[in-house]
mmCIF file of all heavy atoms, coordinates in Angstrom:
data_MODEL
# 
_entry.id   MODEL 
# 
loop_
_atom_site.group_PDB 
_atom_site.id 
_atom_site.type_symbol 
_atom_site.label_atom_id 
_atom_site.label_alt_id 
_atom_site.label_comp_id 
_atom_site.label_asym_id 
_atom_site.label_entity_id 
_atom_site.label_seq_id 
_atom_site.pdbx_PDB_ins_code 
_atom_site.Cartn_x 
_atom_site.Cartn_y 
_atom_site.Cartn_z 
_atom_site.occupancy 
_atom_site.B_iso_or_equiv 
_atom_site.pdbx_formal_charge 
_atom_site.auth_seq_id 
_atom_site.auth_comp_id 
_atom_site.auth_asym_id 
_atom_site.auth_atom_id 
_atom_site.pdbx_PDB_model_num 
ATOM 1   N N   . ASP A 1 1  ? 97.317  -151.028 -50.421 1.00 0.00 ? 1  ASP A N   1 
ATOM 2   C CA  . ASP A 1 1  ? 96.233  -150.102 -50.735 1.00 0.00 ? 1  ASP A CA  1 
ATOM 3   C C   . ASP A 1 1  ? 96.886  -148.764 -51.046 1.00 0.00 ? 1  ASP A C   1 
ATOM 4   O O   . ASP A 1 1  ? 97.271  -148.025 -50.133 1.00 0.00 ? 1  ASP A O   1 
ATOM 5   C CB  . ASP A 1 1  ? 95.271  -150.002 -49.548 1.00 0.00 ? 1  ASP A CB  1 
ATOM 6   C CG  . ASP A 1 1  ? 94.051  -149.146 -49.849 1.00 0.00 ? 1  ASP A CG  1 
ATOM 7   O OD1 . ASP A 1 1  ? 94.140  -148.262 -50.728 1.00 0.00 ? 1  ASP A OD1 1 
ATOM 8   O OD2 . ASP A 1 1  ? 93.011  -149.355 -49.206 1.00 0.00 ? 1  ASP A OD2 1 
ATOM 9   N N   . ASN A 1 2  ? 97.022  -148.464 -52.314 1.00 0.00 ? 2  ASN A N   1 
ATOM 10  C CA  . ASN A 1 2  ? 97.701  -147.234 -52.711 1.00 0.00 ? 2  ASN A CA  1 
ATOM 11  C C   . ASN A 1 2  ? 96.918  -145.993 -52.286 1.00 0.00 ? 2  ASN A C   1 
ATOM 12  O O   . ASN A 1 2  ? 97.514  -144.930 -52.067 1.00 0.00 ? 2  ASN A O   1 
ATOM 13  C CB  . ASN A 1 2  ? 97.949  -147.219 -54.209 1.00 0.00 ? 2  ASN A CB  1 
ATOM 14  C CG  . ASN A 1 2  ? 99.015  -148.217 -54.631 1.00 0.00 ? 2  ASN A CG  1 
ATOM 15  O OD1 . ASN A 1 2  ? 99.804  -148.697 -53.813 1.00 0.00 ? 2  ASN A OD1 1 
ATOM 16  N ND2 . ASN A 1 2  ? 99.029  -148.552 -55.912 1.00 0.00 ? 2  ASN A ND2 1 
ATOM 17  N N   . GLY A 1 3  ? 95.620  -146.114 -52.156 1.00 0.00 ? 3  GLY A N   1 
ATOM 18  C CA  . GLY A 1 3  ? 94.822  -144.986 -51.706 1.00 0.00 ? 3  GLY A CA  1 
ATOM 19  C C   . GLY A 1 3  ? 95.073  -144.622 -50.255 1.00 0.00 ? 3  GLY A C   1 
ATOM 20  O O   . GLY A 1 3  ? 94.920  -143.473 -49.842 1.00 0.00 ? 3  GLY A O   1 
ATOM 21  N N   . LYS A 1 4  ? 95.497  -145.644 -49.476 1.00 0.00 ? 4  LYS A N   1 
ATOM 22  C CA  . LYS A 1 4  ? 95.781  -145.427 -48.057 1.00 0.00 ? 4  LYS A CA  1 
ATOM 23  C C   . LYS A 1 4  ? 97.279  -145.417 -47.769 1.00 0.00 ? 4  LYS A C   1 
ATOM 24  O O   . LYS A 1 4  ? 97.685  -145.337 -46.606 1.00 0.00 ? 4  LYS A O   1 
ATOM 25  C CB  . LYS A 1 4  ? 95.097  -146.504 -47.218 1.00 0.00 ? 4  LYS A CB  1 
ATOM 26  C CG  . LYS A 1 4  ? 93.579  -146.469 -47.283 1.00 0.00 ? 4  LYS A CG  1 
ATOM 27  C CD  . LYS A 1 4  ? 92.965  -147.540 -46.400 1.00 0.00 ? 4  LYS A CD  1 
ATOM 28  C CE  . LYS A 1 4  ? 91.438  -147.467 -46.448 1.00 0.00 ? 4  LYS A CE  1 
ATOM 29  N NZ  . LYS A 1 4  ? 90.801  -148.503 -45.600 1.00 0.00 ? 4  LYS A NZ  1 
ATOM 30  N N   . ASN A 1 5  ? 98.098  -145.548 -48.828 1.00 0.00 ? 5  ASN A N   1 
ATOM 31  C CA  . ASN A 1 5  ? 99.560  -145.558 -48.643 1.00 0.00 ? 5  ASN A CA  1 
ATOM 32  C C   . ASN A 1 5  ? 99.992  -146.607 -47.624 1.00 0.00 ? 5  ASN A C   1 
ATOM 33  O O   . ASN A 1 5  ? 100.890 -146.355 -46.800 1.00 0.00 ? 5  ASN A O   1 
ATOM 34  C CB  . ASN A 1 5  ? 100.059 -144.178 -48.212 1.00 0.00 ? 5  ASN A CB  1 
ATOM 35  C CG  . ASN A 1 5  ? 99.804  -143.104 -49.252 1.00 0.00 ? 5  ASN A CG  1 
ATOM 36  O OD1 . ASN A 1 5  ? 99.737  -143.395 -50.441 1.00 0.00 ? 5  ASN A OD1 1 
ATOM 37  N ND2 . ASN A 1 5  ? 99.644  -141.877 -48.809 1.00 0.00 ? 5  ASN A ND2 1 
ATOM 38  N N   . THR A 1 6  ? 99.376  -147.755 -47.692 1.00 0.00 ? 6  THR A N   1 
ATOM 39  C CA  . THR A 1 6  ? 99.585  -148.786 -46.677 1.00 0.00 ? 6  THR A CA  1 
ATOM 40  C C   . THR A 1 6  ? 99.788  -150.158 -47.324 1.00 0.00 ? 6  THR A C   1 
ATOM 41  O O   . THR A 1 6  ? 99.128  -150.478 -48.323 1.00 0.00 ? 6  THR A O   1 
ATOM 42  C CB  . THR A 1 6  ? 98.380  -148.843 -45.718 1.00 0.00 ? 6  THR A CB  1 
ATOM 43  O OG1 . THR A 1 6  ? 98.223  -147.560 -45.089 1.00 0.00 ? 6  THR A OG1 1 
ATOM 44  C CG2 . THR A 1 6  ? 98.579  -149.892 -44.635 1.00 0.00 ? 6  THR A CG2 1 
ATOM 45  N N   . VAL A 1 7  ? 100.689 -150.919 -46.741 1.00 0.00 ? 7  VAL A N   1 
ATOM 46  C CA  . VAL A 1 7  ? 100.901 -152.302 -47.139 1.00 0.00 ? 7  VAL A CA  1 
ATOM 47  C C   . VAL A 1 7  ? 100.520 -153.187 -45.959 1.00 0.00 ? 7  VAL A C   1 
ATOM 48  O O   . VAL A 1 7  ? 100.712 -152.811 -44.799 1.00 0.00 ? 7  VAL A O   1 
ATOM 49  C CB  . VAL A 1 7  ? 102.351 -152.559 -47.598 1.00 0.00 ? 7  VAL A CB  1 
ATOM 50  C CG1 . VAL A 1 7  ? 103.350 -152.299 -46.474 1.00 0.00 ? 7  VAL A CG1 1 
ATOM 51  C CG2 . VAL A 1 7  ? 102.514 -153.945 -48.167 1.00 0.00 ? 7  VAL A CG2 1 
ATOM 52  N N   . PHE A 1 8  ? 99.959  -154.351 -46.278 1.00 0.00 ? 8  PHE A N   1 
ATOM 53  C CA  . PHE A 1 8  ? 99.455  -155.260 -45.253 1.00 0.00 ? 8  PHE A CA  1 
ATOM 54  C C   . PHE A 1 8  ? 100.141 -156.620 -45.359 1.00 0.00 ? 8  PHE A C   1 
ATOM 55  O O   . PHE A 1 8  ? 100.617 -157.011 -46.421 1.00 0.00 ? 8  PHE A O   1 
ATOM 56  C CB  . PHE A 1 8  ? 97.948  -155.451 -45.408 1.00 0.00 ? 8  PHE A CB  1 
ATOM 57  C CG  . PHE A 1 8  ? 97.154  -154.181 -45.395 1.00 0.00 ? 8  PHE A CG  1 
ATOM 58  C CD1 . PHE A 1 8  ? 96.781  -153.564 -46.579 1.00 0.00 ? 8  PHE A CD1 1 
ATOM 59  C CD2 . PHE A 1 8  ? 96.781  -153.594 -44.189 1.00 0.00 ? 8  PHE A CD2 1 
ATOM 60  C CE1 . PHE A 1 8  ? 96.053  -152.383 -46.571 1.00 0.00 ? 8  PHE A CE1 1 
ATOM 61  C CE2 . PHE A 1 8  ? 96.050  -152.416 -44.175 1.00 0.00 ? 8  PHE A CE2 1 
ATOM 62  C CZ  . PHE A 1 8  ? 95.684  -151.808 -45.365 1.00 0.00 ? 8  PHE A CZ  1 
ATOM 63  N N   . LEU A 1 9  ? 100.124 -157.319 -44.250 1.00 0.00 ? 9  LEU A N   1 
ATOM 64  C CA  . LEU A 1 9  ? 100.564 -158.708 -44.250 1.00 0.00 ? 9  LEU A CA  1 
ATOM 65  C C   . LEU A 1 9  ? 99.562  -159.499 -43.415 1.00 0.00 ? 9  LEU A C   1 
ATOM 66  O O   . LEU A 1 9  ? 99.520  -159.349 -42.182 1.00 0.00 ? 9  LEU A O   1 
ATOM 67  C CB  . LEU A 1 9  ? 101.968 -158.871 -43.678 1.00 0.00 ? 9  LEU A CB  1 
ATOM 68  C CG  . LEU A 1 9  ? 102.545 -160.284 -43.769 1.00 0.00 ? 9  LEU A CG  1 
ATOM 69  C CD1 . LEU A 1 9  ? 102.795 -160.674 -45.236 1.00 0.00 ? 9  LEU A CD1 1 
ATOM 70  C CD2 . LEU A 1 9  ? 103.839 -160.402 -42.965 1.00 0.00 ? 9  LEU A CD2 1 
ATOM 71  N N   . GLN A 1 10 ? 98.751  -160.286 -44.087 1.00 0.00 ? 10 GLN A N   1 
ATOM 72  C CA  . GLN A 1 10 ? 97.821  -161.166 -43.395 1.00 0.00 ? 10 GLN A CA  1 
ATOM 73  C C   . GLN A 1 10 ? 98.547  -162.464 -43.094 1.00 0.00 ? 10 GLN A C   1 
ATOM 74  O O   . GLN A 1 10 ? 99.055  -163.123 -44.002 1.00 0.00 ? 10 GLN A O   1 
ATOM 75  C CB  . GLN A 1 10 ? 96.592  -161.447 -44.261 1.00 0.00 ? 10 GLN A CB  1 
ATOM 76  C CG  . GLN A 1 10 ? 95.605  -162.418 -43.650 1.00 0.00 ? 10 GLN A CG  1 
ATOM 77  C CD  . GLN A 1 10 ? 94.929  -161.867 -42.414 1.00 0.00 ? 10 GLN A CD  1 
ATOM 78  O OE1 . GLN A 1 10 ? 94.517  -160.711 -42.380 1.00 0.00 ? 10 GLN A OE1 1 
ATOM 79  N NE2 . GLN A 1 10 ? 94.821  -162.694 -41.369 1.00 0.00 ? 10 GLN A NE2 1 
ATOM 80  N N   . MET A 1 11 ? 98.600  -162.822 -41.825 1.00 0.00 ? 11 MET A N   1 
ATOM 81  C CA  . MET A 1 11 ? 99.341  -164.004 -41.392 1.00 0.00 ? 11 MET A CA  1 
ATOM 82  C C   . MET A 1 11 ? 98.377  -164.985 -40.750 1.00 0.00 ? 11 MET A C   1 
ATOM 83  O O   . MET A 1 11 ? 97.736  -164.663 -39.746 1.00 0.00 ? 11 MET A O   1 
ATOM 84  C CB  . MET A 1 11 ? 100.430 -163.611 -40.399 1.00 0.00 ? 11 MET A CB  1 
ATOM 85  C CG  . MET A 1 11 ? 101.367 -162.532 -40.916 1.00 0.00 ? 11 MET A CG  1 
ATOM 86  S SD  . MET A 1 11 ? 102.786 -162.242 -39.819 1.00 0.00 ? 11 MET A SD  1 
ATOM 87  C CE  . MET A 1 11 ? 101.948 -161.607 -38.381 1.00 0.00 ? 11 MET A CE  1 
ATOM 88  N N   . ASN A 1 12 ? 98.262  -166.154 -41.343 1.00 0.00 ? 12 ASN A N   1 
ATOM 89  C CA  . ASN A 1 12 ? 97.391  -167.211 -40.833 1.00 0.00 ? 12 ASN A CA  1 
ATOM 90  C C   . ASN A 1 12 ? 98.227  -168.425 -40.445 1.00 0.00 ? 12 ASN A C   1 
ATOM 91  O O   . ASN A 1 12 ? 99.389  -168.548 -40.838 1.00 0.00 ? 12 ASN A O   1 
ATOM 92  C CB  . ASN A 1 12 ? 96.356  -167.607 -41.892 1.00 0.00 ? 12 ASN A CB  1 
ATOM 93  C CG  . ASN A 1 12 ? 95.454  -166.457 -42.291 1.00 0.00 ? 12 ASN A CG  1 
ATOM 94  O OD1 . ASN A 1 12 ? 95.122  -165.593 -41.476 1.00 0.00 ? 12 ASN A OD1 1 
ATOM 95  N ND2 . ASN A 1 12 ? 95.040  -166.453 -43.548 1.00 0.00 ? 12 ASN A ND2 1 
ATOM 96  N N   . SER A 1 13 ? 97.608  -169.311 -39.693 1.00 0.00 ? 13 SER A N   1 
ATOM 97  C CA  . SER A 1 13 ? 98.279  -170.555 -39.282 1.00 0.00 ? 13 SER A CA  1 
ATOM 98  C C   . SER A 1 13 ? 99.660  -170.279 -38.694 1.00 0.00 ? 13 SER A C   1 
ATOM 99  O O   . SER A 1 13 ? 100.649 -170.940 -39.021 1.00 0.00 ? 13 SER A O   1 
ATOM 100 C CB  . SER A 1 13 ? 98.388  -171.517 -40.469 1.00 0.00 ? 13 SER A CB  1 
ATOM 101 O OG  . SER A 1 13 ? 97.133  -171.811 -41.013 1.00 0.00 ? 13 SER A OG  1 
ATOM 102 N N   . LEU A 1 14 ? 99.718  -169.326 -37.808 1.00 0.00 ? 14 LEU A N   1 
ATOM 103 C CA  . LEU A 1 14 ? 100.991 -168.947 -37.216 1.00 0.00 ? 14 LEU A CA  1 
ATOM 104 C C   . LEU A 1 14 ? 101.536 -170.054 -36.324 1.00 0.00 ? 14 LEU A C   1 
ATOM 105 O O   . LEU A 1 14 ? 100.770 -170.782 -35.670 1.00 0.00 ? 14 LEU A O   1 
ATOM 106 C CB  . LEU A 1 14 ? 100.831 -167.660 -36.415 1.00 0.00 ? 14 LEU A CB  1 
ATOM 107 C CG  . LEU A 1 14 ? 100.688 -166.390 -37.277 1.00 0.00 ? 14 LEU A CG  1 
ATOM 108 C CD1 . LEU A 1 14 ? 100.069 -165.266 -36.472 1.00 0.00 ? 14 LEU A CD1 1 
ATOM 109 C CD2 . LEU A 1 14 ? 102.042 -165.986 -37.826 1.00 0.00 ? 14 LEU A CD2 1 
ATOM 110 N N   . ASN A 1 15 ? 102.840 -170.183 -36.312 1.00 0.00 ? 15 ASN A N   1 
ATOM 111 C CA  . ASN A 1 15 ? 103.500 -171.156 -35.447 1.00 0.00 ? 15 ASN A CA  1 
ATOM 112 C C   . ASN A 1 15 ? 104.628 -170.455 -34.694 1.00 0.00 ? 15 ASN A C   1 
ATOM 113 O O   . ASN A 1 15 ? 105.015 -169.326 -35.036 1.00 0.00 ? 15 ASN A O   1 
ATOM 114 C CB  . ASN A 1 15 ? 104.005 -172.347 -36.258 1.00 0.00 ? 15 ASN A CB  1 
ATOM 115 C CG  . ASN A 1 15 ? 104.964 -171.942 -37.360 1.00 0.00 ? 15 ASN A CG  1 
ATOM 116 O OD1 . ASN A 1 15 ? 106.041 -171.404 -37.075 1.00 0.00 ? 15 ASN A OD1 1 
ATOM 117 N ND2 . ASN A 1 15 ? 104.598 -172.200 -38.600 1.00 0.00 ? 15 ASN A ND2 1 
ATOM 118 N N   . PRO A 1 16 ? 105.146 -171.083 -33.650 1.00 0.00 ? 16 PRO A N   1 
ATOM 119 C CA  . PRO A 1 16 ? 106.176 -170.416 -32.828 1.00 0.00 ? 16 PRO A CA  1 
ATOM 120 C C   . PRO A 1 16 ? 107.391 -169.960 -33.626 1.00 0.00 ? 16 PRO A C   1 
ATOM 121 O O   . PRO A 1 16 ? 108.039 -168.965 -33.235 1.00 0.00 ? 16 PRO A O   1 
ATOM 122 C CB  . PRO A 1 16 ? 106.543 -171.498 -31.802 1.00 0.00 ? 16 PRO A CB  1 
ATOM 123 C CG  . PRO A 1 16 ? 105.286 -172.294 -31.660 1.00 0.00 ? 16 PRO A CG  1 
ATOM 124 C CD  . PRO A 1 16 ? 104.698 -172.332 -33.038 1.00 0.00 ? 16 PRO A CD  1 
ATOM 125 N N   . GLU A 1 17 ? 107.696 -170.629 -34.736 1.00 0.00 ? 17 GLU A N   1 
ATOM 126 C CA  . GLU A 1 17 ? 108.844 -170.224 -35.551 1.00 0.00 ? 17 GLU A CA  1 
ATOM 127 C C   . GLU A 1 17 ? 108.615 -168.883 -36.261 1.00 0.00 ? 17 GLU A C   1 
ATOM 128 O O   . GLU A 1 17 ? 109.557 -168.304 -36.796 1.00 0.00 ? 17 GLU A O   1 
ATOM 129 C CB  . GLU A 1 17 ? 109.160 -171.301 -36.593 1.00 0.00 ? 17 GLU A CB  1 
ATOM 130 C CG  . GLU A 1 17 ? 109.732 -172.598 -36.015 1.00 0.00 ? 17 GLU A CG  1 
ATOM 131 C CD  . GLU A 1 17 ? 108.716 -173.410 -35.229 1.00 0.00 ? 17 GLU A CD  1 
ATOM 132 O OE1 . GLU A 1 17 ? 107.518 -173.424 -35.632 1.00 0.00 ? 17 GLU A OE1 1 
ATOM 133 O OE2 . GLU A 1 17 ? 109.109 -174.018 -34.211 1.00 0.00 ? 17 GLU A OE2 1 
ATOM 134 N N   . ASP A 1 18 ? 107.392 -168.414 -36.257 1.00 0.00 ? 18 ASP A N   1 
ATOM 135 C CA  . ASP A 1 18 ? 107.094 -167.109 -36.854 1.00 0.00 ? 18 ASP A CA  1 
ATOM 136 C C   . ASP A 1 18 ? 107.357 -165.965 -35.872 1.00 0.00 ? 18 ASP A C   1 
ATOM 137 O O   . ASP A 1 18 ? 107.221 -164.791 -36.251 1.00 0.00 ? 18 ASP A O   1 
ATOM 138 C CB  . ASP A 1 18 ? 105.634 -167.057 -37.308 1.00 0.00 ? 18 ASP A CB  1 
ATOM 139 C CG  . ASP A 1 18 ? 105.337 -168.033 -38.428 1.00 0.00 ? 18 ASP A CG  1 
ATOM 140 O OD1 . ASP A 1 18 ? 106.147 -168.118 -39.371 1.00 0.00 ? 18 ASP A OD1 1 
ATOM 141 O OD2 . ASP A 1 18 ? 104.292 -168.706 -38.361 1.00 0.00 ? 18 ASP A OD2 1 
ATOM 142 N N   . THR A 1 19 ? 107.705 -166.273 -34.655 1.00 0.00 ? 19 THR A N   1 
ATOM 143 C CA  . THR A 1 19 ? 108.002 -165.246 -33.663 1.00 0.00 ? 19 THR A CA  1 
ATOM 144 C C   . THR A 1 19 ? 109.205 -164.419 -34.092 1.00 0.00 ? 19 THR A C   1 
ATOM 145 O O   . THR A 1 19 ? 110.279 -164.952 -34.360 1.00 0.00 ? 19 THR A O   1 
ATOM 146 C CB  . THR A 1 19 ? 108.265 -165.882 -32.290 1.00 0.00 ? 19 THR A CB  1 
ATOM 147 O OG1 . THR A 1 19 ? 107.063 -166.505 -31.827 1.00 0.00 ? 19 THR A OG1 1 
ATOM 148 C CG2 . THR A 1 19 ? 108.707 -164.828 -31.283 1.00 0.00 ? 19 THR A CG2 1 
ATOM 149 N N   . ALA A 1 20 ? 109.004 -163.112 -34.178 1.00 0.00 ? 20 ALA A N   1 
ATOM 150 C CA  . ALA A 1 20 ? 110.063 -162.219 -34.649 1.00 0.00 ? 20 ALA A CA  1 
ATOM 151 C C   . ALA A 1 20 ? 109.554 -160.787 -34.589 1.00 0.00 ? 20 ALA A C   1 
ATOM 152 O O   . ALA A 1 20 ? 108.360 -160.546 -34.366 1.00 0.00 ? 20 ALA A O   1 
ATOM 153 C CB  . ALA A 1 20 ? 110.465 -162.556 -36.080 1.00 0.00 ? 20 ALA A CB  1 
ATOM 154 N N   . VAL A 1 21 ? 110.474 -159.860 -34.815 1.00 0.00 ? 21 VAL A N   1 
ATOM 155 C CA  . VAL A 1 21 ? 110.082 -158.483 -35.084 1.00 0.00 ? 21 VAL A CA  1 
ATOM 156 C C   . VAL A 1 21 ? 109.900 -158.370 -36.595 1.00 0.00 ? 21 VAL A C   1 
ATOM 157 O O   . VAL A 1 21 ? 110.782 -158.763 -37.366 1.00 0.00 ? 21 VAL A O   1 
ATOM 158 C CB  . VAL A 1 21 ? 111.130 -157.481 -34.597 1.00 0.00 ? 21 VAL A CB  1 
ATOM 159 C CG1 . VAL A 1 21 ? 110.705 -156.054 -34.944 1.00 0.00 ? 21 VAL A CG1 1 
ATOM 160 C CG2 . VAL A 1 21 ? 111.343 -157.619 -33.090 1.00 0.00 ? 21 VAL A CG2 1 
ATOM 161 N N   . TYR A 1 22 ? 108.759 -157.842 -36.998 1.00 0.00 ? 22 TYR A N   1 
ATOM 162 C CA  . TYR A 1 22 ? 108.431 -157.717 -38.411 1.00 0.00 ? 22 TYR A CA  1 
ATOM 163 C C   . TYR A 1 22 ? 108.590 -156.258 -38.842 1.00 0.00 ? 22 TYR A C   1 
ATOM 164 O O   . TYR A 1 22 ? 108.078 -155.348 -38.185 1.00 0.00 ? 22 TYR A O   1 
ATOM 165 C CB  . TYR A 1 22 ? 107.004 -158.196 -38.665 1.00 0.00 ? 22 TYR A CB  1 
ATOM 166 C CG  . TYR A 1 22 ? 106.895 -159.706 -38.663 1.00 0.00 ? 22 TYR A CG  1 
ATOM 167 C CD1 . TYR A 1 22 ? 107.011 -160.423 -37.481 1.00 0.00 ? 22 TYR A CD1 1 
ATOM 168 C CD2 . TYR A 1 22 ? 106.698 -160.412 -39.847 1.00 0.00 ? 22 TYR A CD2 1 
ATOM 169 C CE1 . TYR A 1 22 ? 106.941 -161.812 -37.467 1.00 0.00 ? 22 TYR A CE1 1 
ATOM 170 C CE2 . TYR A 1 22 ? 106.621 -161.798 -39.853 1.00 0.00 ? 22 TYR A CE2 1 
ATOM 171 C CZ  . TYR A 1 22 ? 106.740 -162.484 -38.663 1.00 0.00 ? 22 TYR A CZ  1 
ATOM 172 O OH  . TYR A 1 22 ? 106.675 -163.868 -38.662 1.00 0.00 ? 22 TYR A OH  1 
ATOM 173 N N   . TYR A 1 23 ? 109.306 -156.084 -39.951 1.00 0.00 ? 23 TYR A N   1 
ATOM 174 C CA  . TYR A 1 23 ? 109.613 -154.758 -40.473 1.00 0.00 ? 23 TYR A CA  1 
ATOM 175 C C   . TYR A 1 23 ? 109.062 -154.616 -41.888 1.00 0.00 ? 23 TYR A C   1 
ATOM 176 O O   . TYR A 1 23 ? 109.059 -155.580 -42.659 1.00 0.00 ? 23 TYR A O   1 
ATOM 177 C CB  . TYR A 1 23 ? 111.116 -154.539 -40.545 1.00 0.00 ? 23 TYR A CB  1 
ATOM 178 C CG  . TYR A 1 23 ? 111.855 -154.635 -39.248 1.00 0.00 ? 23 TYR A CG  1 
ATOM 179 C CD1 . TYR A 1 23 ? 112.352 -155.852 -38.784 1.00 0.00 ? 23 TYR A CD1 1 
ATOM 180 C CD2 . TYR A 1 23 ? 112.102 -153.495 -38.483 1.00 0.00 ? 23 TYR A CD2 1 
ATOM 181 C CE1 . TYR A 1 23 ? 113.045 -155.943 -37.598 1.00 0.00 ? 23 TYR A CE1 1 
ATOM 182 C CE2 . TYR A 1 23 ? 112.805 -153.571 -37.297 1.00 0.00 ? 23 TYR A CE2 1 
ATOM 183 C CZ  . TYR A 1 23 ? 113.264 -154.797 -36.856 1.00 0.00 ? 23 TYR A CZ  1 
ATOM 184 O OH  . TYR A 1 23 ? 113.968 -154.875 -35.683 1.00 0.00 ? 23 TYR A OH  1 
ATOM 185 N N   . CYS A 1 24 ? 108.649 -153.418 -42.228 1.00 0.00 ? 24 CYS A N   1 
ATOM 186 C CA  . CYS A 1 24 ? 108.326 -153.169 -43.634 1.00 0.00 ? 24 CYS A CA  1 
ATOM 187 C C   . CYS A 1 24 ? 109.411 -152.298 -44.249 1.00 0.00 ? 24 CYS A C   1 
ATOM 188 O O   . CYS A 1 24 ? 110.085 -151.530 -43.560 1.00 0.00 ? 24 CYS A O   1 
ATOM 189 C CB  . CYS A 1 24 ? 106.946 -152.554 -43.800 1.00 0.00 ? 24 CYS A CB  1 
ATOM 190 S SG  . CYS A 1 24 ? 106.768 -150.857 -43.258 1.00 0.00 ? 24 CYS A SG  1 
ATOM 191 N N   . ARG A 1 25 ? 109.581 -152.478 -45.531 1.00 0.00 ? 25 ARG A N   1 
ATOM 192 C CA  . ARG A 1 25 ? 110.581 -151.734 -46.280 1.00 0.00 ? 25 ARG A CA  1 
ATOM 193 C C   . ARG A 1 25 ? 109.951 -151.207 -47.551 1.00 0.00 ? 25 ARG A C   1 
ATOM 194 O O   . ARG A 1 25 ? 109.214 -151.909 -48.229 1.00 0.00 ? 25 ARG A O   1 
ATOM 195 C CB  . ARG A 1 25 ? 111.766 -152.634 -46.637 1.00 0.00 ? 25 ARG A CB  1 
ATOM 196 C CG  . ARG A 1 25 ? 112.901 -151.892 -47.327 1.00 0.00 ? 25 ARG A CG  1 
ATOM 197 C CD  . ARG A 1 25 ? 114.003 -152.807 -47.806 1.00 0.00 ? 25 ARG A CD  1 
ATOM 198 N NE  . ARG A 1 25 ? 113.722 -153.384 -49.113 1.00 0.00 ? 25 ARG A NE  1 
ATOM 199 C CZ  . ARG A 1 25 ? 114.629 -153.916 -49.902 1.00 0.00 ? 25 ARG A CZ  1 
ATOM 200 N NH1 . ARG A 1 25 ? 115.880 -153.990 -49.515 1.00 0.00 ? 25 ARG A NH1 1 
ATOM 201 N NH2 . ARG A 1 25 ? 114.300 -154.428 -51.069 1.00 0.00 ? 25 ARG A NH2 1 
ATOM 202 N N   . ALA A 1 26 ? 110.310 -149.972 -47.873 1.00 0.00 ? 26 ALA A N   1 
ATOM 203 C CA  . ALA A 1 26 ? 109.917 -149.350 -49.139 1.00 0.00 ? 26 ALA A CA  1 
ATOM 204 C C   . ALA A 1 26 ? 111.179 -149.168 -49.971 1.00 0.00 ? 26 ALA A C   1 
ATOM 205 O O   . ALA A 1 26 ? 112.192 -148.676 -49.464 1.00 0.00 ? 26 ALA A O   1 
ATOM 206 C CB  . ALA A 1 26 ? 109.250 -148.000 -48.893 1.00 0.00 ? 26 ALA A CB  1 
ATOM 207 N N   . ARG A 1 27 ? 111.115 -149.579 -51.236 1.00 0.00 ? 27 ARG A N   1 
ATOM 208 C CA  . ARG A 1 27 ? 112.310 -149.501 -52.078 1.00 0.00 ? 27 ARG A CA  1 
ATOM 209 C C   . ARG A 1 27 ? 111.957 -148.967 -53.457 1.00 0.00 ? 27 ARG A C   1 
ATOM 210 O O   . ARG A 1 27 ? 110.986 -149.399 -54.077 1.00 0.00 ? 27 ARG A O   1 
ATOM 211 C CB  . ARG A 1 27 ? 112.971 -150.860 -52.226 1.00 0.00 ? 27 ARG A CB  1 
ATOM 212 C CG  . ARG A 1 27 ? 114.265 -150.847 -53.013 1.00 0.00 ? 27 ARG A CG  1 
ATOM 213 C CD  . ARG A 1 27 ? 114.876 -152.236 -53.093 1.00 0.00 ? 27 ARG A CD  1 
ATOM 214 N NE  . ARG A 1 27 ? 114.016 -153.150 -53.817 1.00 0.00 ? 27 ARG A NE  1 
ATOM 215 C CZ  . ARG A 1 27 ? 114.012 -153.298 -55.147 1.00 0.00 ? 27 ARG A CZ  1 
ATOM 216 N NH1 . ARG A 1 27 ? 114.823 -152.561 -55.889 1.00 0.00 ? 27 ARG A NH1 1 
ATOM 217 N NH2 . ARG A 1 27 ? 113.214 -154.166 -55.731 1.00 0.00 ? 27 ARG A NH2 1 
# 
């Protein structure tokens, strides 16, 4: 959402292998 200067990640059907620290990067 460029108006809110925000990026999102919708995560569904999560499983234990998705366990992690999640980081965002701007490039």
